[in-house]
């Protein structure tokens, strides 16, 4: 998971490389930021656990 998180941060620093498939599906950098936060604090926006390290 640390490598995946590193890649997500890389995308934030290089928004021109944000995958077009994700954009077409309705995702953007704000969604990416929320995903990174959920991974870091291991909690979803609704407060439920989000433990991807198990």
C-alpha atoms as a PDB file:
ATOM      1  CA  UNK A   1       0.000   0.000   0.000  1.00  0.00           C
ATOM      2  CA  UNK A   2       2.803   2.515   0.582  1.00  0.00           C
ATOM      3  CA  UNK A   3       3.731   2.333  -3.108  1.00  0.00           C
ATOM      4  CA  UNK A   4       0.130   2.932  -4.137  1.00  0.00           C
ATOM      5  CA  UNK A   5      -0.120   5.927  -1.820  1.00  0.00           C
ATOM      6  CA  UNK A   6       3.103   7.289  -3.282  1.00  0.00           C
ATOM      7  CA  UNK A   7       1.618   7.001  -6.770  1.00  0.00           C
ATOM      8  CA  UNK A   8      -1.523   8.815  -5.672  1.00  0.00           C
ATOM      9  CA  UNK A   9       0.591  11.679  -4.342  1.00  0.00           C
ATOM     10  CA  UNK A  10       2.504  11.697  -7.609  1.00  0.00           C
ATOM     11  CA  UNK A  11      -0.758  12.172  -9.485  1.00  0.00           C
ATOM     12  CA  UNK A  12      -1.568  15.181  -7.306  1.00  0.00           C
ATOM     13  CA  UNK A  13       1.777  16.702  -8.258  1.00  0.00           C
ATOM     14  CA  UNK A  14       1.284  15.830 -11.946  1.00  0.00           C
ATOM     15  CA  UNK A  15      -2.407  16.420 -12.688  1.00  0.00           C
ATOM     16  CA  UNK A  16      -1.781  16.313 -16.449  1.00  0.00           C
ATOM     17  CA  UNK A  17      -1.284  12.560 -16.049  1.00  0.00           C
ATOM     18  CA  UNK A  18      -4.627  11.975 -14.327  1.00  0.00           C
ATOM     19  CA  UNK A  19      -6.133   8.993 -16.186  1.00  0.00           C
ATOM     20  CA  UNK A  20      -8.728   9.983 -18.774  1.00  0.00           C
ATOM     21  CA  UNK A  21     -10.749   6.853 -17.963  1.00  0.00           C
ATOM     22  CA  UNK A  22     -11.215   8.124 -14.420  1.00  0.00           C
ATOM     23  CA  UNK A  23     -12.161  11.596 -15.647  1.00  0.00           C
ATOM     24  CA  UNK A  24     -14.721  10.086 -18.019  1.00  0.00           C
ATOM     25  CA  UNK A  25     -16.127   8.093 -15.088  1.00  0.00           C
ATOM     26  CA  UNK A  26     -16.619  11.366 -13.187  1.00  0.00           C
ATOM     27  CA  UNK A  27     -13.587  11.333 -10.899  1.00  0.00           C
ATOM     28  CA  UNK A  28     -11.271  14.297 -10.362  1.00  0.00           C
ATOM     29  CA  UNK A  29      -8.412  15.463  -8.153  1.00  0.00           C
ATOM     30  CA  UNK A  30     -10.797  16.247  -5.296  1.00  0.00           C
ATOM     31  CA  UNK A  31     -11.796  12.588  -5.235  1.00  0.00           C
ATOM     32  CA  UNK A  32      -8.129  11.662  -5.238  1.00  0.00           C
ATOM     33  CA  UNK A  33      -7.506  13.877  -2.208  1.00  0.00           C
ATOM     34  CA  UNK A  34     -10.410  12.252  -0.352  1.00  0.00           C
ATOM     35  CA  UNK A  35      -9.058   8.798  -1.154  1.00  0.00           C
ATOM     36  CA  UNK A  36      -5.588   9.731   0.091  1.00  0.00           C
ATOM     37  CA  UNK A  37      -7.045  11.112   3.318  1.00  0.00           C
ATOM     38  CA  UNK A  38      -9.132   7.976   3.857  1.00  0.00           C
ATOM     39  CA  UNK A  39      -6.046   5.809   3.394  1.00  0.00           C
ATOM     40  CA  UNK A  40      -3.921   7.936   5.712  1.00  0.00           C
ATOM     41  CA  UNK A  41      -6.421   8.159   8.564  1.00  0.00           C
ATOM     42  CA  UNK A  42      -7.907   4.715   7.830  1.00  0.00           C
ATOM     43  CA  UNK A  43     -11.412   6.088   7.959  1.00  0.00           C
ATOM     44  CA  UNK A  44     -14.056   6.797   5.334  1.00  0.00           C
ATOM     45  CA  UNK A  45     -15.892  10.130   5.141  1.00  0.00           C
ATOM     46  CA  UNK A  46     -18.878   8.587   6.914  1.00  0.00           C
ATOM     47  CA  UNK A  47     -16.667   7.544   9.844  1.00  0.00           C
ATOM     48  CA  UNK A  48     -16.552   3.830   9.101  1.00  0.00           C
ATOM     49  CA  UNK A  49     -13.163   2.099   9.124  1.00  0.00           C
ATOM     50  CA  UNK A  50     -11.130   1.977   5.942  1.00  0.00           C
ATOM     51  CA  UNK A  51      -8.205  -0.265   6.689  1.00  0.00           C
ATOM     52  CA  UNK A  52      -6.445  -1.198   3.482  1.00  0.00           C
ATOM     53  CA  UNK A  53      -3.314  -2.388   5.277  1.00  0.00           C
ATOM     54  CA  UNK A  54      -4.878  -5.586   6.668  1.00  0.00           C
END
